[in-house]
Amino acid sequence: MKAKTINGSSTEAIKSSLDNSMVDGYKPTLAIVFLSVKQDRTAICQLLDGAGIAIYGITTNGEFTGDGITSGESAILLLDVNHSYFHIICTEYAGTDYRLTTQEIAKKAKEIFNNPSFLIGVSNLNADAEALLHGFEDILGKDVNVSGAMAGDDFQFIASYVFTNHISTSNGIVTLVFDEDHISIKGRATFGWKALGTVRTVTKSEGNHVYTIDDIPALDLTIKYGGLENVTPENFALEHSIALTFQIQRETGDPVMRAGLLVDWNDHSIYCAGPLPQGSKIRFSLPPEFDVIEKVISGCEDLKATEIPDADAIILFNCAGRLLSLGPLISDEIEGIQNVWKVPIAGMFSNAELARATNGNLEMHGFTACTVVLKEK
């Protein structure tokens, strides 16, 4: 399987890049498309469809290839994989029964391939991403191979989209199913943030709304251990300061990050990016240091050494929070990951990452770099 990347700020630029990629006889069959909501999705899909290319598409908070990071543009990974080795399903949710949605997808995939693996894109921030992951497990077992991300919309938090050749939805999931008998797909989710202080207990929460930790209002405890200043509703920078708040401790596998998003000033509770169940054991996180990037690259080096020494392509779902926290240094992280396998890379900055925690379970992550490596057998 040969991979190439193309990018551009308009449909015309993408057409030119696509044409240039095929002048040597290259004939891609599959496009992994990461693009801004500012781009003309319909026109770009028509362009790729007209070239006989199947599409897995997701909107972003910024996109990139090995040529660099862009915002408001498109980044596409082209693959010349055999049509019989993959299948794409794009569907809207079954109401609010998110688990049923992916149960049905898993059943269809099982009918097509004996050994399916999944690359997913999820739109609508209100969707229960962990329920979606559990639906795959219900049908295919706890070891099912799933990676992906929640779509972005350039930090507007209004409407994100997933799409394929003829379908686009702001309330659904796009699933790229690979036949693992022919395509190896390996993932590694790493965040690198250091934990601070002792383990604490979430004593009252509902879904992603955390009221108290150790019976103390969540914001008050965060102020105490996070060293926050000027904690008032008028301080609009505060919600960025609380964004590196919680690490959920797991019995097996690495901890999972939960970013704080919004403060309810009435009771000093905090809304998080993802569920934080009552009874959860958590630790606070320190702001990132330079070794955060080194830890992600080291995780990829371990993945190469232990699971997938050779690769054809890399897909990277990188949290938008890492972009905000690390700034220009995030380019070093992308370059470092690509250099581990030295193959084409494309990816996006996402609202959440969906992957198996290292040595753990399928999880919804935050502030995490989810690296997915592909290799034709």
Protein backbone atom coordinates (compact mmCIF):
# COMPACT_ATOMS: atom_id res chain seq x y z
CA MET A 1 0.00 0.00 0.00
CA LYS A 2 1.49 3.30 -1.10
CA ALA A 3 0.53 6.52 0.68
CA LYS A 4 0.78 10.16 -0.36
CA THR A 5 -0.46 13.37 1.24
CA ILE A 6 -1.98 16.43 -0.38
CA ASN A 7 -3.25 19.69 1.09
CA GLY A 8 -4.70 23.00 0.04
CA SER A 9 -6.72 26.07 0.96
CA SER A 10 -9.42 25.56 -1.69
CA THR A 11 -11.04 22.93 -3.86
CA GLU A 12 -8.96 24.15 -6.79
CA ALA A 13 -5.76 23.73 -4.79
CA ILE A 14 -6.77 20.22 -3.78
CA LYS A 15 -7.54 19.37 -7.41
CA SER A 16 -4.11 20.57 -8.47
CA SER A 17 -2.40 18.58 -5.70
CA LEU A 18 -4.44 15.49 -6.52
CA ASP A 19 -3.58 15.73 -10.21
CA ASN A 20 0.11 16.14 -9.37
CA SER A 21 0.03 13.10 -7.09
CA MET A 22 -1.21 10.92 -9.96
CA VAL A 23 1.09 12.05 -12.78
CA ASP A 24 3.35 9.05 -12.11
CA GLY A 25 0.46 6.61 -12.51
CA TYR A 26 -0.48 6.54 -8.85
CA LYS A 27 -4.16 5.55 -8.42
CA PRO A 28 -5.45 6.08 -4.87
CA THR A 29 -8.62 4.27 -3.85
CA LEU A 30 -9.11 5.73 -0.36
CA ALA A 31 -8.81 9.26 1.05
CA ILE A 32 -8.59 10.09 4.75
CA VAL A 33 -9.86 13.67 4.64
CA PHE A 34 -9.32 16.22 7.42
CA LEU A 35 -10.75 19.63 6.61
CA SER A 36 -12.06 22.85 8.08
CA VAL A 37 -15.78 23.62 8.17
CA LYS A 38 -14.79 26.67 6.10
CA GLN A 39 -13.94 24.41 3.17
CA ASP A 40 -16.49 23.33 0.55
CA ARG A 41 -16.98 19.72 1.66
CA THR A 42 -19.44 18.96 -1.11
CA ALA A 43 -17.09 20.16 -3.86
CA ILE A 44 -14.08 18.31 -2.43
CA CYS A 45 -16.10 15.12 -2.05
CA GLN A 46 -17.34 15.42 -5.62
CA LEU A 47 -13.75 15.88 -6.79
CA LEU A 48 -12.50 12.76 -4.98
CA ASP A 49 -15.58 10.72 -5.88
CA GLY A 50 -15.11 11.63 -9.53
CA ALA A 51 -11.61 10.19 -9.32
CA GLY A 52 -13.01 6.89 -7.99
CA ILE A 53 -11.72 7.49 -4.44
CA ALA A 54 -13.64 6.41 -1.34
CA ILE A 55 -13.78 9.01 1.47
CA TYR A 56 -13.47 8.90 5.26
CA GLY A 57 -13.93 12.52 6.28
CA ILE A 58 -14.00 14.57 9.47
CA THR A 59 -13.96 18.31 10.20
CA THR A 60 -11.21 19.75 12.38
CA ASN A 61 -9.85 22.42 14.70
CA GLY A 62 -6.80 22.54 12.45
CA GLU A 63 -5.22 19.93 10.19
CA PHE A 64 -1.74 18.87 9.12
CA THR A 65 0.48 16.69 6.99
CA GLY A 66 4.24 16.26 7.12
CA ASP A 67 4.41 19.56 5.22
CA GLY A 68 3.06 21.50 8.18
CA ILE A 69 0.03 22.65 10.17
CA THR A 70 -2.80 24.65 8.65
CA SER A 71 -6.04 26.18 9.89
CA GLY A 72 -9.13 26.59 7.75
CA GLU A 73 -7.74 24.32 5.02
CA SER A 74 -7.70 20.64 4.01
CA ALA A 75 -5.19 17.83 4.63
CA ILE A 76 -5.67 14.49 2.91
CA LEU A 77 -3.95 11.12 3.17
CA LEU A 78 -4.28 9.13 -0.06
CA LEU A 79 -3.96 5.33 -0.05
CA ASP A 80 -3.93 2.86 -2.94
CA VAL A 81 -5.40 0.01 -0.87
CA ASN A 82 -7.40 -2.83 -2.43
CA HIS A 83 -11.14 -2.04 -2.39
CA SER A 84 -11.88 -5.45 -0.88
CA TYR A 85 -9.76 -4.65 2.20
CA PHE A 86 -11.94 -1.83 3.54
CA HIS A 87 -15.55 -0.70 3.87
CA ILE A 88 -17.00 2.69 4.90
CA ILE A 89 -20.20 3.20 6.88
CA CYS A 90 -21.59 6.68 7.57
CA THR A 91 -24.79 6.86 9.60
CA GLU A 92 -26.69 9.12 11.96
CA TYR A 93 -27.25 8.09 15.57
CA ALA A 94 -30.23 5.96 16.58
CA GLY A 95 -31.77 8.82 18.56
CA THR A 96 -29.78 9.01 21.79
CA ASP A 97 -29.07 5.28 21.87
CA TYR A 98 -25.45 5.70 20.87
CA ARG A 99 -24.55 2.20 21.95
CA LEU A 100 -27.14 0.72 19.58
CA THR A 101 -25.67 2.77 16.71
CA THR A 102 -22.26 1.15 16.96
CA GLN A 103 -23.68 -2.27 17.79
CA GLU A 104 -25.35 -2.18 14.37
CA ILE A 105 -22.14 -0.96 12.70
CA ALA A 106 -20.17 -3.78 14.35
CA LYS A 107 -22.70 -6.37 13.19
CA LYS A 108 -22.42 -5.15 9.59
CA ALA A 109 -18.62 -5.16 9.79
CA LYS A 110 -18.61 -8.70 11.16
CA GLU A 111 -20.68 -9.83 8.16
CA ILE A 112 -18.08 -8.32 5.79
CA PHE A 113 -14.78 -9.25 7.50
CA ASN A 114 -13.82 -12.04 9.87
CA ASN A 115 -11.38 -9.75 11.66
CA PRO A 116 -12.53 -6.11 11.38
CA SER A 117 -10.81 -3.07 12.89
CA PHE A 118 -12.23 0.43 12.99
CA LEU A 119 -11.27 4.04 12.38
CA ILE A 120 -14.13 6.28 13.54
CA GLY A 121 -15.07 9.94 13.35
CA VAL A 122 -17.80 11.30 15.62
CA SER A 123 -19.80 14.51 15.15
CA ASN A 124 -21.93 16.36 17.73
CA LEU A 125 -20.19 17.14 21.03
CA ASN A 126 -23.32 16.00 22.90
CA ALA A 127 -22.89 12.44 21.62
CA ASP A 128 -21.87 9.91 24.28
CA ALA A 129 -18.55 8.82 22.79
CA GLU A 130 -17.90 6.18 25.45
CA ALA A 131 -21.29 4.57 24.75
CA LEU A 132 -20.27 4.44 21.09
CA LEU A 133 -17.07 2.61 22.04
CA HIS A 134 -18.97 0.17 24.26
CA GLY A 135 -21.27 -0.71 21.35
CA PHE A 136 -18.33 -2.09 19.40
CA GLU A 137 -17.24 -4.09 22.46
CA ASP A 138 -20.73 -5.55 22.92
CA ILE A 139 -20.56 -7.27 19.54
CA LEU A 140 -16.86 -7.92 19.01
CA GLY A 141 -15.47 -8.21 22.53
CA LYS A 142 -13.24 -6.15 24.80
CA ASP A 143 -10.21 -6.50 22.53
CA VAL A 144 -11.87 -4.86 19.50
CA ASN A 145 -9.50 -2.52 17.65
CA VAL A 146 -11.02 0.99 17.51
CA SER A 147 -9.37 4.40 17.16
CA GLY A 148 -10.67 7.80 16.14
CA ALA A 149 -11.74 11.24 17.27
CA MET A 150 -14.56 13.69 17.79
CA ALA A 151 -14.82 16.20 14.96
CA GLY A 152 -14.05 19.88 15.38
CA ASP A 153 -15.32 23.10 13.85
CA ASP A 154 -12.39 25.51 14.17
CA PHE A 155 -13.08 26.02 17.90
CA GLN A 156 -16.57 27.41 17.27
CA PHE A 157 -18.33 24.56 19.13
CA ILE A 158 -21.44 25.01 16.99
CA ALA A 159 -21.58 22.15 14.47
CA SER A 160 -18.95 19.61 13.41
CA TYR A 161 -19.31 17.09 10.61
CA VAL A 162 -18.31 13.61 9.49
CA PHE A 163 -18.77 12.58 5.90
CA THR A 164 -18.13 10.17 3.08
CA ASN A 165 -18.66 10.37 -0.69
CA HIS A 166 -22.39 11.16 -0.65
CA ILE A 167 -23.29 11.60 3.04
CA SER A 168 -22.47 14.38 5.50
CA THR A 169 -23.90 14.66 9.01
CA SER A 170 -23.50 16.83 12.10
CA ASN A 171 -25.14 14.12 14.22
CA GLY A 172 -23.53 10.83 13.33
CA ILE A 173 -20.48 8.65 12.93
CA VAL A 174 -18.27 7.73 9.98
CA THR A 175 -16.57 4.35 10.28
CA LEU A 176 -13.72 3.08 8.14
CA VAL A 177 -13.62 -0.69 8.59
CA PHE A 178 -10.37 -2.45 7.70
CA ASP A 179 -9.87 -6.17 7.14
CA GLU A 180 -7.10 -6.95 9.61
CA ASP A 181 -6.32 -10.15 7.75
CA HIS A 182 -4.81 -7.84 5.12
CA ILE A 183 -4.19 -4.48 6.85
CA SER A 184 -2.42 -4.14 10.20
CA ILE A 185 -3.67 -1.17 12.22
CA LYS A 186 -1.97 -0.35 15.51
CA GLY A 187 -2.61 2.60 17.81
CA ARG A 188 -1.02 4.31 20.78
CA ALA A 189 -2.65 7.01 22.94
CA THR A 190 -0.23 9.14 24.99
CA PHE A 191 -0.64 12.46 26.81
CA GLY A 192 2.52 12.99 28.91
CA TRP A 193 1.04 15.41 31.47
CA LYS A 194 2.44 14.89 34.98
CA ALA A 195 0.15 14.23 37.93
CA LEU A 196 0.12 16.43 41.03
CA GLY A 197 -0.66 15.55 44.65
CA THR A 198 -2.54 12.64 46.17
CA VAL A 199 -5.42 10.62 44.77
CA ARG A 200 -8.82 12.20 45.40
CA THR A 201 -12.41 11.03 44.97
CA VAL A 202 -15.23 12.55 42.91
CA THR A 203 -17.97 12.63 45.52
CA LYS A 204 -20.77 14.13 43.42
CA SER A 205 -21.14 14.21 39.64
CA GLU A 206 -23.66 13.70 36.85
CA GLY A 207 -22.15 12.70 33.52
CA ASN A 208 -19.55 15.35 32.70
CA HIS A 209 -20.75 17.74 35.43
CA VAL A 210 -18.48 17.48 38.49
CA TYR A 211 -19.94 19.07 41.62
CA THR A 212 -17.61 18.03 44.42
CA ILE A 213 -14.28 16.31 44.96
CA ASP A 214 -13.67 15.02 48.48
CA ASP A 215 -16.94 16.83 49.31
CA ILE A 216 -15.37 20.19 48.35
CA PRO A 217 -16.70 22.16 45.34
CA ALA A 218 -14.67 21.11 42.31
CA LEU A 219 -13.53 24.64 41.44
CA ASP A 220 -12.47 25.42 45.03
CA LEU A 221 -10.23 22.36 45.19
CA THR A 222 -8.85 23.16 41.76
CA ILE A 223 -7.99 26.69 42.91
CA LYS A 224 -6.21 25.32 45.97
CA TYR A 225 -4.03 22.79 44.16
CA GLY A 226 -3.75 24.51 40.78
CA GLY A 227 -2.46 27.80 42.10
CA LEU A 228 -5.11 29.73 40.16
CA GLU A 229 -5.40 33.49 40.56
CA ASN A 230 -8.09 36.07 39.82
CA VAL A 231 -10.82 33.41 40.02
CA THR A 232 -13.86 35.44 38.98
CA PRO A 233 -16.53 35.19 36.27
CA GLU A 234 -14.93 38.23 34.63
CA ASN A 235 -11.63 36.39 34.10
CA PHE A 236 -12.23 34.87 30.68
CA ALA A 237 -8.77 33.27 30.73
CA LEU A 238 -9.73 31.14 33.73
CA GLU A 239 -11.38 28.38 31.76
CA HIS A 240 -8.15 27.85 29.84
CA SER A 241 -6.37 27.61 33.21
CA ILE A 242 -8.66 24.84 34.48
CA ALA A 243 -8.35 22.91 31.23
CA LEU A 244 -5.50 20.76 32.55
CA THR A 245 -7.40 19.56 35.56
CA PHE A 246 -8.11 15.86 36.05
CA GLN A 247 -6.45 12.51 35.45
CA ILE A 248 -8.80 9.58 36.07
CA GLN A 249 -6.90 6.73 37.70
CA ARG A 250 -7.61 3.25 36.29
CA GLU A 251 -7.09 -0.17 37.88
CA THR A 252 -5.29 -1.25 34.71
CA GLY A 253 -3.56 0.88 32.11
CA ASP A 254 -2.55 4.51 31.99
CA PRO A 255 -4.71 7.29 33.51
CA VAL A 256 -7.15 9.13 31.25
CA MET A 257 -7.28 12.93 30.95
CA ARG A 258 -10.48 14.90 31.49
CA ALA A 259 -10.24 18.57 30.63
CA GLY A 260 -12.25 21.15 32.54
CA LEU A 261 -14.32 23.26 30.15
CA LEU A 262 -16.83 25.46 31.96
CA VAL A 263 -17.43 26.75 35.48
CA ASP A 264 -20.89 26.95 37.05
CA TRP A 265 -20.45 29.94 39.34
CA ASN A 266 -23.63 29.18 41.27
CA ASP A 267 -22.08 26.20 43.04
CA HIS A 268 -18.44 26.25 41.83
CA SER A 269 -18.90 23.02 39.92
CA ILE A 270 -17.04 22.23 36.67
CA TYR A 271 -18.17 20.77 33.35
CA CYS A 272 -15.59 18.47 31.79
CA ALA A 273 -14.87 17.24 28.27
CA GLY A 274 -16.23 13.75 28.82
CA PRO A 275 -17.83 11.86 31.70
CA LEU A 276 -16.27 11.78 35.14
CA PRO A 277 -18.40 9.33 37.15
CA GLN A 278 -19.12 9.73 40.84
CA GLY A 279 -16.63 7.65 42.80
CA SER A 280 -13.84 8.14 40.26
CA LYS A 281 -10.33 8.37 41.66
CA ILE A 282 -8.53 11.37 40.22
CA ARG A 283 -5.35 13.39 40.46
CA PHE A 284 -4.70 16.92 39.28
CA SER A 285 -2.31 17.67 36.42
CA LEU A 286 0.62 20.01 36.23
CA PRO A 287 0.94 22.37 33.24
CA PRO A 288 2.89 20.72 30.39
CA GLU A 289 6.66 20.81 30.18
CA PHE A 290 8.93 20.14 27.21
CA ASP A 291 9.13 16.42 28.03
CA VAL A 292 5.43 16.02 27.13
CA ILE A 293 6.45 15.81 23.47
CA GLU A 294 9.33 13.46 24.26
CA LYS A 295 6.93 11.09 26.03
CA VAL A 296 4.61 10.92 23.02
CA ILE A 297 7.49 10.21 20.63
CA SER A 298 8.90 7.63 23.07
CA GLY A 299 5.50 5.92 23.12
CA CYS A 300 5.59 5.68 19.33
CA GLU A 301 9.12 4.30 19.41
CA ASP A 302 7.88 1.61 21.79
CA LEU A 303 4.94 0.86 19.48
CA LYS A 304 7.36 0.41 16.60
CA ALA A 305 9.67 -1.83 18.63
CA THR A 306 6.93 -4.05 20.05
CA GLU A 307 4.02 -4.14 17.59
CA ILE A 308 4.53 -2.64 14.14
CA PRO A 309 8.15 -2.19 13.00
CA ASP A 310 7.22 -1.14 9.46
CA ALA A 311 4.45 1.15 8.26
CA ASP A 312 2.86 2.48 5.10
CA ALA A 313 1.14 5.52 6.64
CA ILE A 314 0.43 7.33 9.91
CA ILE A 315 -2.83 8.97 11.00
CA LEU A 316 -2.65 11.26 14.03
CA PHE A 317 -5.61 12.45 16.09
CA ASN A 318 -4.12 15.18 18.27
CA CYS A 319 -6.17 17.02 20.88
CA ALA A 320 -6.88 20.67 20.15
CA GLY A 321 -5.93 21.32 23.78
CA ARG A 322 -2.37 20.22 23.00
CA LEU A 323 -2.24 22.78 20.20
CA LEU A 324 -3.41 25.53 22.58
CA SER A 325 -1.04 24.43 25.36
CA LEU A 326 2.10 23.67 23.36
CA GLY A 327 1.73 26.24 20.60
CA PRO A 328 4.39 26.06 17.85
CA LEU A 329 6.11 23.17 19.66
CA ILE A 330 3.32 20.88 18.48
CA SER A 331 5.08 20.82 15.09
CA ASP A 332 8.03 19.10 16.78
CA GLU A 333 5.68 16.42 18.07
CA ILE A 334 4.17 15.73 14.63
CA GLU A 335 7.61 15.67 13.00
CA GLY A 336 8.96 13.39 15.74
CA ILE A 337 6.11 10.89 15.29
CA GLN A 338 6.60 10.85 11.52
CA ASN A 339 10.33 10.26 11.92
CA VAL A 340 9.72 7.09 13.92
CA TRP A 341 8.47 5.28 10.79
CA LYS A 342 9.48 7.82 8.10
CA VAL A 343 6.26 7.45 6.09
CA PRO A 344 3.53 9.95 5.09
CA ILE A 345 1.46 11.38 7.96
CA ALA A 346 -1.83 13.29 8.08
CA GLY A 347 -4.02 14.28 10.96
CA MET A 348 -6.20 16.76 12.79
CA PHE A 349 -6.70 18.62 16.04
CA SER A 350 -9.78 17.06 17.61
CA ASN A 351 -12.31 17.76 20.34
CA ALA A 352 -11.61 14.35 21.93
CA GLU A 353 -9.61 11.26 21.09
CA LEU A 354 -11.14 7.77 21.05
CA ALA A 355 -8.69 4.94 21.58
CA ARG A 356 -7.46 2.22 23.87
CA ALA A 357 -5.51 3.58 26.80
CA THR A 358 -2.00 2.15 26.94
CA ASN A 359 -2.36 -1.29 28.57
CA GLY A 360 -5.99 -0.44 29.33
CA ASN A 361 -9.52 -0.12 27.96
CA LEU A 362 -11.17 1.78 25.14
CA GLU A 363 -11.62 5.34 26.41
CA MET A 364 -12.57 8.86 25.48
CA HIS A 365 -9.39 10.92 25.98
CA GLY A 366 -8.46 14.57 26.25
CA PHE A 367 -5.10 16.32 25.76
CA THR A 368 -3.93 13.12 24.10
CA ALA A 369 -2.04 12.27 20.92
CA CYS A 370 -3.61 9.18 19.35
CA THR A 371 -1.27 7.73 16.74
CA VAL A 372 -2.66 5.14 14.29
CA VAL A 373 -0.22 3.22 12.10
CA LEU A 374 -1.22 1.32 8.94
CA LYS A 375 0.66 -1.46 7.17
CA GLU A 376 -0.52 -3.76 4.39
CA LYS A 377 0.40 -7.37 5.10
